[in-house]
Amino acid sequence: MGSPVFPDGVKTVTLTGRYIHADGSAFTGWLDIVTPTLLTMPSAYTIVGGKIKVPLTPQGRFSVVLVATDNTNTNPVTWTYQVAERFQDVPIRSYSVALPYTPDPVDIAAIPHLLP
């Protein structure tokens, strides 16, 4: 898959992170990041939605560009991503997360997770 191309007027955020075991070895696996529904963005003539599978690198890192959760004129207006961490030898952890626009990358370890 190539680099994402978002229409003019769609704010994005880069989400990054690193997962390692207590002994310093890297996790293997991926994150599933899902929108709650199809998001209508009429000012950008775009509909956004679905699941993104984000694999970890051999060092346990990831980076992904996502649509920011605070884009104006989006229906629904208020929404969050559902994240599921799917790693080998670790129980699955799922949570919802808001990712408002920022020009700087957001590290997943710095986000307060809303656990179910």
PDB file of N, CA and C in Angstrom:
ATOM      1  N   MET A   1       0.851  -1.174   0.000  1.00  0.00           N
ATOM      2  CA  MET A   1       0.000   0.000   0.000  1.00  0.00           C
ATOM      3  C   MET A   1       0.893   1.232   0.000  1.00  0.00           C
ATOM      4  N   GLY A   2       0.555   2.236  -0.800  1.00  0.00           N
ATOM      5  CA  GLY A   2       1.343   3.457  -0.886  1.00  0.00           C
ATOM      6  C   GLY A   2       1.036   4.411   0.252  1.00  0.00           C
ATOM      7  N   SER A   3       1.671   5.562   0.204  1.00  0.00           N
ATOM      8  CA  SER A   3       1.428   6.591   1.208  1.00  0.00           C
ATOM      9  C   SER A   3       0.006   7.117   1.063  1.00  0.00           C
ATOM     10  N   PRO A   4      -0.633   7.452   2.192  1.00  0.00           N
ATOM     11  CA  PRO A   4      -1.997   7.955   2.107  1.00  0.00           C
ATOM     12  C   PRO A   4      -2.045   9.333   1.446  1.00  0.00           C
ATOM     13  N   VAL A   5      -3.107   9.553   0.709  1.00  0.00           N
ATOM     14  CA  VAL A   5      -3.338  10.855   0.090  1.00  0.00           C
ATOM     15  C   VAL A   5      -4.707  11.320   0.562  1.00  0.00           C
ATOM     16  N   PHE A   6      -4.723  12.373   1.362  1.00  0.00           N
ATOM     17  CA  PHE A   6      -5.977  12.895   1.881  1.00  0.00           C
ATOM     18  C   PHE A   6      -6.372  14.146   1.106  1.00  0.00           C
ATOM     19  N   PRO A   7      -7.669  14.347   0.890  1.00  0.00           N
ATOM     20  CA  PRO A   7      -8.123  15.542   0.178  1.00  0.00           C
ATOM     21  C   PRO A   7      -7.792  16.823   0.949  1.00  0.00           C
ATOM     22  N   ASP A   8      -7.734  17.937   0.219  1.00  0.00           N
ATOM     23  CA  ASP A   8      -7.545  19.236   0.867  1.00  0.00           C
ATOM     24  C   ASP A   8      -8.645  19.435   1.902  1.00  0.00           C
ATOM     25  N   GLY A   9      -8.276  20.003   3.022  1.00  0.00           N
ATOM     26  CA  GLY A   9      -9.247  20.304   4.061  1.00  0.00           C
ATOM     27  C   GLY A   9      -9.454  19.189   5.067  1.00  0.00           C
ATOM     28  N   VAL A  10      -8.840  18.030   4.877  1.00  0.00           N
ATOM     29  CA  VAL A  10      -8.959  16.931   5.837  1.00  0.00           C
ATOM     30  C   VAL A  10      -7.740  16.969   6.756  1.00  0.00           C
ATOM     31  N   LYS A  11      -7.991  17.247   8.029  1.00  0.00           N
ATOM     32  CA  LYS A  11      -6.904  17.276   9.009  1.00  0.00           C
ATOM     33  C   LYS A  11      -6.516  15.840   9.376  1.00  0.00           C
ATOM     34  N   THR A  12      -5.206  15.618   9.529  1.00  0.00           N
ATOM     35  CA  THR A  12      -4.702  14.295   9.889  1.00  0.00           C
ATOM     36  C   THR A  12      -3.823  14.382  11.128  1.00  0.00           C
ATOM     37  N   VAL A  13      -3.509  13.222  11.660  1.00  0.00           N
ATOM     38  CA  VAL A  13      -2.605  13.105  12.796  1.00  0.00           C
ATOM     39  C   VAL A  13      -1.758  11.856  12.574  1.00  0.00           C
ATOM     40  N   THR A  14      -0.471  11.933  12.931  1.00  0.00           N
ATOM     41  CA  THR A  14       0.417  10.779  12.837  1.00  0.00           C
ATOM     42  C   THR A  14       0.506  10.126  14.206  1.00  0.00           C
ATOM     43  N   LEU A  15       0.090   8.866  14.283  1.00  0.00           N
ATOM     44  CA  LEU A  15       0.139   8.100  15.513  1.00  0.00           C
ATOM     45  C   LEU A  15       1.349   7.170  15.440  1.00  0.00           C
ATOM     46  N   THR A  16       2.173   7.174  16.484  1.00  0.00           N
ATOM     47  CA  THR A  16       3.378   6.351  16.534  1.00  0.00           C
ATOM     48  C   THR A  16       3.410   5.564  17.836  1.00  0.00           C
ATOM     49  N   GLY A  17       4.325   4.619  17.913  1.00  0.00           N
ATOM     50  CA  GLY A  17       4.491   3.893  19.168  1.00  0.00           C
ATOM     51  C   GLY A  17       5.538   2.822  19.069  1.00  0.00           C
ATOM     52  N   ARG A  18       5.849   2.253  20.218  1.00  0.00           N
ATOM     53  CA  ARG A  18       6.807   1.155  20.315  1.00  0.00           C
ATOM     54  C   ARG A  18       6.353   0.223  21.425  1.00  0.00           C
ATOM     55  N   TYR A  19       6.416  -1.072  21.152  1.00  0.00           N
ATOM     56  CA  TYR A  19       6.012  -2.084  22.113  1.00  0.00           C
ATOM     57  C   TYR A  19       7.169  -3.051  22.315  1.00  0.00           C
ATOM     58  N   ILE A  20       7.595  -3.195  23.587  1.00  0.00           N
ATOM     59  CA  ILE A  20       8.661  -4.140  23.921  1.00  0.00           C
ATOM     60  C   ILE A  20       8.255  -4.943  25.159  1.00  0.00           C
ATOM     61  N   HIS A  21       8.820  -6.148  25.263  1.00  0.00           N
ATOM     62  CA  HIS A  21       8.612  -7.001  26.430  1.00  0.00           C
ATOM     63  C   HIS A  21       9.477  -6.492  27.586  1.00  0.00           C
ATOM     64  N   ALA A  22       9.231  -7.024  28.752  1.00  0.00           N
ATOM     65  CA  ALA A  22       9.991  -6.618  29.949  1.00  0.00           C
ATOM     66  C   ALA A  22      11.482  -6.887  29.808  1.00  0.00           C
ATOM     67  N   ASP A  23      11.843  -7.834  28.930  1.00  0.00           N
ATOM     68  CA  ASP A  23      13.273  -8.115  28.724  1.00  0.00           C
ATOM     69  C   ASP A  23      13.888  -7.268  27.608  1.00  0.00           C
ATOM     70  N   GLY A  24      13.104  -6.341  27.042  1.00  0.00           N
ATOM     71  CA  GLY A  24      13.604  -5.450  25.995  1.00  0.00           C
ATOM     72  C   GLY A  24      13.399  -5.955  24.581  1.00  0.00           C
ATOM     73  N   SER A  25      12.956  -7.190  24.413  1.00  0.00           N
ATOM     74  CA  SER A  25      12.709  -7.713  23.064  1.00  0.00           C
ATOM     75  C   SER A  25      11.416  -7.115  22.503  1.00  0.00           C
ATOM     76  N   ALA A  26      11.371  -6.990  21.193  1.00  0.00           N
ATOM     77  CA  ALA A  26      10.239  -6.340  20.531  1.00  0.00           C
ATOM     78  C   ALA A  26       9.025  -7.261  20.449  1.00  0.00           C
ATOM     79  N   PHE A  27       7.841  -6.662  20.601  1.00  0.00           N
ATOM     80  CA  PHE A  27       6.603  -7.390  20.344  1.00  0.00           C
ATOM     81  C   PHE A  27       6.521  -7.693  18.853  1.00  0.00           C
ATOM     82  N   THR A  28       5.778  -8.721  18.508  1.00  0.00           N
ATOM     83  CA  THR A  28       5.420  -8.993  17.124  1.00  0.00           C
ATOM     84  C   THR A  28       3.899  -8.973  17.036  1.00  0.00           C
ATOM     85  N   GLY A  29       3.390  -8.469  15.937  1.00  0.00           N
ATOM     86  CA  GLY A  29       1.949  -8.400  15.753  1.00  0.00           C
ATOM     87  C   GLY A  29       1.547  -7.110  15.080  1.00  0.00           C
ATOM     88  N   TRP A  30       0.346  -6.658  15.381  1.00  0.00           N
ATOM     89  CA  TRP A  30      -0.193  -5.470  14.725  1.00  0.00           C
ATOM     90  C   TRP A  30      -1.271  -4.826  15.585  1.00  0.00           C
ATOM     91  N   LEU A  31      -1.665  -3.627  15.176  1.00  0.00           N
ATOM     92  CA  LEU A  31      -2.807  -2.935  15.754  1.00  0.00           C
ATOM     93  C   LEU A  31      -3.907  -2.885  14.698  1.00  0.00           C
ATOM     94  N   ASP A  32      -5.143  -3.117  15.122  1.00  0.00           N
ATOM     95  CA  ASP A  32      -6.306  -2.850  14.284  1.00  0.00           C
ATOM     96  C   ASP A  32      -6.876  -1.521  14.755  1.00  0.00           C
ATOM     97  N   ILE A  33      -7.024  -0.570  13.834  1.00  0.00           N
ATOM     98  CA  ILE A  33      -7.584   0.746  14.154  1.00  0.00           C
ATOM     99  C   ILE A  33      -8.820   0.919  13.283  1.00  0.00           C
ATOM    100  N   VAL A  34      -9.976   1.153  13.929  1.00  0.00           N
ATOM    101  CA  VAL A  34     -11.261   1.127  13.226  1.00  0.00           C
ATOM    102  C   VAL A  34     -12.061   2.393  13.525  1.00  0.00           C
ATOM    103  N   THR A  35     -12.671   2.958  12.480  1.00  0.00           N
ATOM    104  CA  THR A  35     -13.624   4.052  12.687  1.00  0.00           C
ATOM    105  C   THR A  35     -14.939   3.450  13.184  1.00  0.00           C
ATOM    106  N   PRO A  36     -15.753   4.219  13.908  1.00  0.00           N
ATOM    107  CA  PRO A  36     -16.991   3.653  14.454  1.00  0.00           C
ATOM    108  C   PRO A  36     -18.062   3.404  13.389  1.00  0.00           C
ATOM    109  N   THR A  37     -17.969   4.099  12.287  1.00  0.00           N
ATOM    110  CA  THR A  37     -18.929   4.028  11.197  1.00  0.00           C
ATOM    111  C   THR A  37     -18.301   4.718   9.996  1.00  0.00           C
ATOM    112  N   LEU A  38     -18.999   4.795   8.894  1.00  0.00           N
ATOM    113  CA  LEU A  38     -18.519   5.630   7.793  1.00  0.00           C
ATOM    114  C   LEU A  38     -18.700   7.087   8.197  1.00  0.00           C
ATOM    115  N   LEU A  39     -17.675   7.884   7.998  1.00  0.00           N
ATOM    116  CA  LEU A  39     -17.683   9.299   8.372  1.00  0.00           C
ATOM    117  C   LEU A  39     -17.870  10.131   7.114  1.00  0.00           C
ATOM    118  N   THR A  40     -18.892  10.936   7.089  1.00  0.00           N
ATOM    119  CA  THR A  40     -19.171  11.785   5.935  1.00  0.00           C
ATOM    120  C   THR A  40     -18.506  13.133   6.148  1.00  0.00           C
ATOM    121  N   MET A  41     -17.695  13.546   5.162  1.00  0.00           N
ATOM    122  CA  MET A  41     -16.976  14.824   5.220  1.00  0.00           C
ATOM    123  C   MET A  41     -17.366  15.626   3.981  1.00  0.00           C
ATOM    124  N   PRO A  42     -18.556  16.264   4.000  1.00  0.00           N
ATOM    125  CA  PRO A  42     -19.048  16.929   2.795  1.00  0.00           C
ATOM    126  C   PRO A  42     -18.167  18.059   2.287  1.00  0.00           C
ATOM    127  N   SER A  43     -17.485  18.785   3.168  1.00  0.00           N
ATOM    128  CA  SER A  43     -16.644  19.889   2.695  1.00  0.00           C
ATOM    129  C   SER A  43     -15.427  19.385   1.913  1.00  0.00           C
ATOM    130  N   ALA A  44     -15.056  18.106   2.106  1.00  0.00           N
ATOM    131  CA  ALA A  44     -13.934  17.515   1.370  1.00  0.00           C
ATOM    132  C   ALA A  44     -14.429  16.533   0.309  1.00  0.00           C
ATOM    133  N   TYR A  45     -15.757  16.451   0.135  1.00  0.00           N
ATOM    134  CA  TYR A  45     -16.355  15.518  -0.823  1.00  0.00           C
ATOM    135  C   TYR A  45     -15.801  14.110  -0.623  1.00  0.00           C
ATOM    136  N   THR A  46     -15.816  13.667   0.646  1.00  0.00           N
ATOM    137  CA  THR A  46     -15.164  12.409   1.000  1.00  0.00           C
ATOM    138  C   THR A  46     -15.957  11.665   2.065  1.00  0.00           C
ATOM    139  N   ILE A  47     -15.926  10.347   1.978  1.00  0.00           N
ATOM    140  CA  ILE A  47     -16.427   9.477   3.035  1.00  0.00           C
ATOM    141  C   ILE A  47     -15.246   8.631   3.492  1.00  0.00           C
ATOM    142  N   VAL A  48     -15.046   8.575   4.814  1.00  0.00           N
ATOM    143  CA  VAL A  48     -13.902   7.888   5.404  1.00  0.00           C
ATOM    144  C   VAL A  48     -14.415   6.777   6.318  1.00  0.00           C
ATOM    145  N   GLY A  49     -13.730   5.653   6.353  1.00  0.00           N
ATOM    146  CA  GLY A  49     -14.123   4.615   7.295  1.00  0.00           C
ATOM    147  C   GLY A  49     -13.371   3.334   7.093  1.00  0.00           C
ATOM    148  N   GLY A  50     -13.651   2.395   7.983  1.00  0.00           N
ATOM    149  CA  GLY A  50     -13.083   1.062   7.873  1.00  0.00           C
ATOM    150  C   GLY A  50     -12.004   0.766   8.890  1.00  0.00           C
ATOM    151  N   LYS A  51     -11.375  -0.393   8.671  1.00  0.00           N
ATOM    152  CA  LYS A  51     -10.325  -0.876   9.573  1.00  0.00           C
ATOM    153  C   LYS A  51      -8.974  -0.748   8.890  1.00  0.00           C
ATOM    154  N   ILE A  52      -7.980  -0.346   9.675  1.00  0.00           N
ATOM    155  CA  ILE A  52      -6.606  -0.258   9.210  1.00  0.00           C
ATOM    156  C   ILE A  52      -5.789  -1.245  10.049  1.00  0.00           C
ATOM    157  N   LYS A  53      -5.069  -2.128   9.385  1.00  0.00           N
ATOM    158  CA  LYS A  53      -4.169  -3.060  10.073  1.00  0.00           C
ATOM    159  C   LYS A  53      -2.772  -2.458  10.020  1.00  0.00           C
ATOM    160  N   VAL A  54      -2.207  -2.155  11.187  1.00  0.00           N
ATOM    161  CA  VAL A  54      -0.911  -1.479  11.282  1.00  0.00           C
ATOM    162  C   VAL A  54       0.110  -2.445  11.896  1.00  0.00           C
ATOM    163  N   PRO A  55       0.993  -3.027  11.072  1.00  0.00           N
ATOM    164  CA  PRO A  55       1.966  -3.984  11.598  1.00  0.00           C
ATOM    165  C   PRO A  55       3.102  -3.301  12.356  1.00  0.00           C
ATOM    166  N   LEU A  56       3.642  -4.021  13.328  1.00  0.00           N
ATOM    167  CA  LEU A  56       4.830  -3.546  14.027  1.00  0.00           C
ATOM    168  C   LEU A  56       6.069  -3.894  13.204  1.00  0.00           C
ATOM    169  N   THR A  57       7.078  -3.044  13.287  1.00  0.00           N
ATOM    170  CA  THR A  57       8.362  -3.330  12.649  1.00  0.00           C
ATOM    171  C   THR A  57       9.104  -4.381  13.489  1.00  0.00           C
ATOM    172  N   PRO A  58      10.225  -4.910  13.000  1.00  0.00           N
ATOM    173  CA  PRO A  58      11.009  -5.854  13.812  1.00  0.00           C
ATOM    174  C   PRO A  58      11.506  -5.247  15.134  1.00  0.00           C
ATOM    175  N   GLN A  59      11.505  -3.933  15.234  1.00  0.00           N
ATOM    176  CA  GLN A  59      11.897  -3.261  16.486  1.00  0.00           C
ATOM    177  C   GLN A  59      10.687  -2.979  17.379  1.00  0.00           C
ATOM    178  N   GLY A  60       9.491  -3.421  16.968  1.00  0.00           N
ATOM    179  CA  GLY A  60       8.284  -3.214  17.770  1.00  0.00           C
ATOM    180  C   GLY A  60       7.653  -1.850  17.588  1.00  0.00           C
ATOM    181  N   ARG A  61       8.032  -1.131  16.538  1.00  0.00           N
ATOM    182  CA  ARG A  61       7.532   0.233  16.304  1.00  0.00           C
ATOM    183  C   ARG A  61       6.444   0.241  15.232  1.00  0.00           C
ATOM    184  N   PHE A  62       5.665   1.343  15.236  1.00  0.00           N
ATOM    185  CA  PHE A  62       4.715   1.581  14.158  1.00  0.00           C
ATOM    186  C   PHE A  62       4.537   3.083  13.983  1.00  0.00           C
ATOM    187  N   SER A  63       4.034   3.465  12.825  1.00  0.00           N
ATOM    188  CA  SER A  63       3.674   4.848  12.525  1.00  0.00           C
ATOM    189  C   SER A  63       2.572   4.797  11.474  1.00  0.00           C
ATOM    190  N   VAL A  64       1.514   5.569  11.686  1.00  0.00           N
ATOM    191  CA  VAL A  64       0.394   5.590  10.753  1.00  0.00           C
ATOM    192  C   VAL A  64      -0.222   6.987  10.738  1.00  0.00           C
ATOM    193  N   VAL A  65      -0.591   7.450   9.544  1.00  0.00           N
ATOM    194  CA  VAL A  65      -1.286   8.727   9.390  1.00  0.00           C
ATOM    195  C   VAL A  65      -2.781   8.432   9.342  1.00  0.00           C
ATOM    196  N   LEU A  66      -3.535   9.110  10.204  1.00  0.00           N
ATOM    197  CA  LEU A  66      -4.978   8.893  10.317  1.00  0.00           C
ATOM    198  C   LEU A  66      -5.727  10.211  10.184  1.00  0.00           C
ATOM    199  N   VAL A  67      -6.989  10.132   9.827  1.00  0.00           N
ATOM    200  CA  VAL A  67      -7.859  11.305   9.837  1.00  0.00           C
ATOM    201  C   VAL A  67      -8.032  11.734  11.287  1.00  0.00           C
ATOM    202  N   ALA A  68      -7.841  13.008  11.564  1.00  0.00           N
ATOM    203  CA  ALA A  68      -8.011  13.532  12.923  1.00  0.00           C
ATOM    204  C   ALA A  68      -9.482  13.454  13.328  1.00  0.00           C
ATOM    205  N   THR A  69      -9.721  13.202  14.600  1.00  0.00           N
ATOM    206  CA  THR A  69     -11.097  13.041  15.086  1.00  0.00           C
ATOM    207  C   THR A  69     -11.817  14.362  15.320  1.00  0.00           C
ATOM    208  N   ASP A  70     -11.137  15.482  15.083  1.00  0.00           N
ATOM    209  CA  ASP A  70     -11.783  16.789  15.302  1.00  0.00           C
ATOM    210  C   ASP A  70     -11.964  17.587  14.009  1.00  0.00           C
ATOM    211  N   ASN A  71     -12.042  16.906  12.866  1.00  0.00           N
ATOM    212  CA  ASN A  71     -12.324  17.607  11.610  1.00  0.00           C
ATOM    213  C   ASN A  71     -13.687  18.272  11.706  1.00  0.00           C
ATOM    214  N   THR A  72     -13.779  19.492  11.187  1.00  0.00           N
ATOM    215  CA  THR A  72     -15.063  20.189  11.211  1.00  0.00           C
ATOM    216  C   THR A  72     -15.957  19.672  10.101  1.00  0.00           C
ATOM    217  N   ASN A  73     -17.243  19.849  10.279  1.00  0.00           N
ATOM    218  CA  ASN A  73     -18.229  19.480   9.275  1.00  0.00           C
ATOM    219  C   ASN A  73     -18.161  17.991   8.924  1.00  0.00           C
ATOM    220  N   THR A  74     -17.966  17.160   9.963  1.00  0.00           N
ATOM    221  CA  THR A  74     -17.955  15.703   9.792  1.00  0.00           C
ATOM    222  C   THR A  74     -19.201  15.129  10.450  1.00  0.00           C
ATOM    223  N   ASN A  75     -19.778  14.116   9.831  1.00  0.00           N
ATOM    224  CA  ASN A  75     -20.945  13.462  10.404  1.00  0.00           C
ATOM    225  C   ASN A  75     -20.615  11.989  10.602  1.00  0.00           C
ATOM    226  N   PRO A  76     -20.605  11.467  11.833  1.00  0.00           N
ATOM    227  CA  PRO A  76     -20.954  12.169  13.057  1.00  0.00           C
ATOM    228  C   PRO A  76     -19.867  13.164  13.476  1.00  0.00           C
ATOM    229  N   VAL A  77     -20.267  14.131  14.297  1.00  0.00           N
ATOM    230  CA  VAL A  77     -19.343  15.184  14.730  1.00  0.00           C
ATOM    231  C   VAL A  77     -18.356  14.648  15.761  1.00  0.00           C
ATOM    232  N   THR A  78     -18.860  13.940  16.755  1.00  0.00           N
ATOM    233  CA  THR A  78     -18.027  13.415  17.831  1.00  0.00           C
ATOM    234  C   THR A  78     -17.836  11.918  17.622  1.00  0.00           C
ATOM    235  N   TRP A  79     -16.571  11.496  17.539  1.00  0.00           N
ATOM    236  CA  TRP A  79     -16.281  10.082  17.358  1.00  0.00           C
ATOM    237  C   TRP A  79     -14.866   9.765  17.824  1.00  0.00           C
ATOM    238  N   THR A  80     -14.588   8.486  18.008  1.00  0.00           N
ATOM    239  CA  THR A  80     -13.269   8.017  18.408  1.00  0.00           C
ATOM    240  C   THR A  80     -12.919   6.775  17.592  1.00  0.00           C
ATOM    241  N   TYR A  81     -11.639   6.482  17.528  1.00  0.00           N
ATOM    242  CA  TYR A  81     -11.175   5.234  16.929  1.00  0.00           C
ATOM    243  C   TYR A  81     -11.265   4.120  17.968  1.00  0.00           C
ATOM    244  N   GLN A  82     -11.533   2.901  17.518  1.00  0.00           N
ATOM    245  CA  GLN A  82     -11.417   1.712  18.358  1.00  0.00           C
ATOM    246  C   GLN A  82     -10.086   1.065  17.994  1.00  0.00           C
ATOM    247  N   VAL A  83      -9.229   0.856  18.979  1.00  0.00           N
ATOM    248  CA  VAL A  83      -7.910   0.269  18.764  1.00  0.00           C
ATOM    249  C   VAL A  83      -7.878  -1.099  19.443  1.00  0.00           C
ATOM    250  N   ALA A  84      -7.388  -2.101  18.720  1.00  0.00           N
ATOM    251  CA  ALA A  84      -7.170  -3.431  19.300  1.00  0.00           C
ATOM    252  C   ALA A  84      -5.700  -3.792  19.071  1.00  0.00           C
ATOM    253  N   GLU A  85      -4.990  -4.042  20.152  1.00  0.00           N
ATOM    254  CA  GLU A  85      -3.587  -4.434  20.084  1.00  0.00           C
ATOM    255  C   GLU A  85      -3.536  -5.959  19.989  1.00  0.00           C
ATOM    256  N   ARG A  86      -2.994  -6.461  18.890  1.00  0.00           N
ATOM    257  CA  ARG A  86      -2.968  -7.906  18.619  1.00  0.00           C
ATOM    258  C   ARG A  86      -1.509  -8.359  18.479  1.00  0.00           C
ATOM    259  N   PHE A  87      -0.966  -8.803  19.618  1.00  0.00           N
ATOM    260  CA  PHE A  87       0.439  -9.166  19.673  1.00  0.00           C
ATOM    261  C   PHE A  87       0.608 -10.620  20.076  1.00  0.00           C
ATOM    262  N   GLN A  88       1.688 -11.238  19.601  1.00  0.00           N
ATOM    263  CA  GLN A  88       1.986 -12.618  19.950  1.00  0.00           C
ATOM    264  C   GLN A  88       2.308 -12.715  21.433  1.00  0.00           C
ATOM    265  N   ASP A  89       1.735 -13.695  22.106  1.00  0.00           N
ATOM    266  CA  ASP A  89       2.007 -14.008  23.521  1.00  0.00           C
ATOM    267  C   ASP A  89       1.538 -12.933  24.497  1.00  0.00           C
ATOM    268  N   VAL A  90       0.623 -12.054  24.061  1.00  0.00           N
ATOM    269  CA  VAL A  90       0.089 -11.009  24.933  1.00  0.00           C
ATOM    270  C   VAL A  90      -1.429 -10.967  24.730  1.00  0.00           C
ATOM    271  N   PRO A  91      -2.218 -10.903  25.808  1.00  0.00           N
ATOM    272  CA  PRO A  91      -3.668 -10.813  25.619  1.00  0.00           C
ATOM    273  C   PRO A  91      -4.049  -9.567  24.812  1.00  0.00           C
ATOM    274  N   ILE A  92      -5.107  -9.688  24.015  1.00  0.00           N
ATOM    275  CA  ILE A  92      -5.593  -8.551  23.228  1.00  0.00           C
ATOM    276  C   ILE A  92      -6.111  -7.477  24.177  1.00  0.00           C
ATOM    277  N   ARG A  93      -5.726  -6.235  23.885  1.00  0.00           N
ATOM    278  CA  ARG A  93      -6.238  -5.097  24.654  1.00  0.00           C
ATOM    279  C   ARG A  93      -6.933  -4.184  23.660  1.00  0.00           C
ATOM    280  N   SER A  94      -8.166  -3.746  24.011  1.00  0.00           N
ATOM    281  CA  SER A  94      -8.935  -2.850  23.145  1.00  0.00           C
ATOM    282  C   SER A  94      -9.347  -1.611  23.920  1.00  0.00           C
ATOM    283  N   TYR A  95      -9.421  -0.492  23.206  1.00  0.00           N
ATOM    284  CA  TYR A  95      -9.818   0.762  23.835  1.00  0.00           C
ATOM    285  C   TYR A  95     -10.214   1.747  22.746  1.00  0.00           C
ATOM    286  N   SER A  96     -10.910   2.795  23.164  1.00  0.00           N
ATOM    287  CA  SER A  96     -11.279   3.890  22.264  1.00  0.00           C
ATOM    288  C   SER A  96     -10.327   5.050  22.487  1.00  0.00           C
ATOM    289  N   VAL A  97     -10.045   5.782  21.405  1.00  0.00           N
ATOM    290  CA  VAL A  97      -9.118   6.900  21.535  1.00  0.00           C
ATOM    291  C   VAL A  97      -9.522   8.020  20.572  1.00  0.00           C
ATOM    292  N   ALA A  98      -9.531   9.245  21.090  1.00  0.00           N
ATOM    293  CA  ALA A  98      -9.710  10.434  20.260  1.00  0.00           C
ATOM    294  C   ALA A  98      -8.329  10.898  19.822  1.00  0.00           C
ATOM    295  N   LEU A  99      -8.213  11.292  18.560  1.00  0.00           N
ATOM    296  CA  LEU A  99      -6.943  11.772  18.018  1.00  0.00           C
ATOM    297  C   LEU A  99      -7.159  13.109  17.323  1.00  0.00           C
ATOM    298  N   PRO A 100      -7.256  14.200  18.111  1.00  0.00           N
ATOM    299  CA  PRO A 100      -7.436  15.524  17.500  1.00  0.00           C
ATOM    300  C   PRO A 100      -6.193  15.945  16.723  1.00  0.00           C
ATOM    301  N   TYR A 101      -6.383  16.867  15.799  1.00  0.00           N
ATOM    302  CA  TYR A 101      -5.288  17.337  14.948  1.00  0.00           C
ATOM    303  C   TYR A 101      -4.149  17.921  15.768  1.00  0.00           C
ATOM    304  N   THR A 102      -2.946  17.580  15.369  1.00  0.00           N
ATOM    305  CA  THR A 102      -1.723  18.212  15.845  1.00  0.00           C
ATOM    306  C   THR A 102      -0.690  18.029  14.738  1.00  0.00           C
ATOM    307  N   PRO A 103       0.171  19.032  14.521  1.00  0.00           N
ATOM    308  CA  PRO A 103       1.203  18.863  13.495  1.00  0.00           C
ATOM    309  C   PRO A 103       2.323  17.915  13.934  1.00  0.00           C
ATOM    310  N   ASP A 104       2.399  17.653  15.243  1.00  0.00           N
ATOM    311  CA  ASP A 104       3.444  16.783  15.779  1.00  0.00           C
ATOM    312  C   ASP A 104       2.921  15.354  15.918  1.00  0.00           C
ATOM    313  N   PRO A 105       3.781  14.349  15.741  1.00  0.00           N
ATOM    314  CA  PRO A 105       3.349  12.969  15.967  1.00  0.00           C
ATOM    315  C   PRO A 105       2.865  12.768  17.399  1.00  0.00           C
ATOM    316  N   VAL A 106       1.893  11.880  17.564  1.00  0.00           N
ATOM    317  CA  VAL A 106       1.349  11.537  18.874  1.00  0.00           C
ATOM    318  C   VAL A 106       1.804  10.118  19.200  1.00  0.00           C
ATOM    319  N   ASP A 107       2.485   9.947  20.333  1.00  0.00           N
ATOM    320  CA  ASP A 107       2.916   8.618  20.749  1.00  0.00           C
ATOM    321  C   ASP A 107       1.795   7.951  21.532  1.00  0.00           C
ATOM    322  N   ILE A 108       1.476   6.730  21.167  1.00  0.00           N
ATOM    323  CA  ILE A 108       0.362   6.018  21.786  1.00  0.00           C
ATOM    324  C   ILE A 108       0.570   5.841  23.290  1.00  0.00           C
ATOM    325  N   ALA A 109       1.816   5.794  23.752  1.00  0.00           N
ATOM    326  CA  ALA A 109       2.090   5.634  25.181  1.00  0.00           C
ATOM    327  C   ALA A 109       1.711   6.880  25.973  1.00  0.00           C
ATOM    328  N   ALA A 110       1.543   8.014  25.314  1.00  0.00           N
ATOM    329  CA  ALA A 110       1.217   9.268  25.989  1.00  0.00           C
ATOM    330  C   ALA A 110      -0.292   9.554  26.008  1.00  0.00           C
ATOM    331  N   ILE A 111      -1.100   8.651  25.438  1.00  0.00           N
ATOM    332  CA  ILE A 111      -2.552   8.849  25.369  1.00  0.00           C
ATOM    333  C   ILE A 111      -3.213   8.106  26.522  1.00  0.00           C
ATOM    334  N   PRO A 112      -4.087   8.798  27.273  1.00  0.00           N
ATOM    335  CA  PRO A 112      -4.829   8.058  28.311  1.00  0.00           C
ATOM    336  C   PRO A 112      -5.858   7.145  27.628  1.00  0.00           C
ATOM    337  N   HIS A 113      -5.678   5.845  27.774  1.00  0.00           N
ATOM    338  CA  HIS A 113      -6.560   4.872  27.131  1.00  0.00           C
ATOM    339  C   HIS A 113      -7.864   4.731  27.898  1.00  0.00           C
ATOM    340  N   LEU A 114      -8.935   4.635  27.173  1.00  0.00           N
ATOM    341  CA  LEU A 114     -10.250   4.401  27.768  1.00  0.00           C
ATOM    342  C   LEU A 114     -10.534   2.911  27.649  1.00  0.00           C
ATOM    343  N   LEU A 115     -10.188   2.171  28.672  1.00  0.00           N
ATOM    344  CA  LEU A 115     -10.364   0.722  28.636  1.00  0.00           C
ATOM    345  C   LEU A 115     -11.834   0.372  28.884  1.00  0.00           C
ATOM    346  N   PRO A 116     -12.310  -0.685  28.206  1.00  0.00           N
ATOM    347  CA  PRO A 116     -13.712  -1.084  28.385  1.00  0.00           C
ATOM    348  C   PRO A 116     -13.983  -1.595  29.782  1.00  0.00           C
TER     349      PRO A 116
END
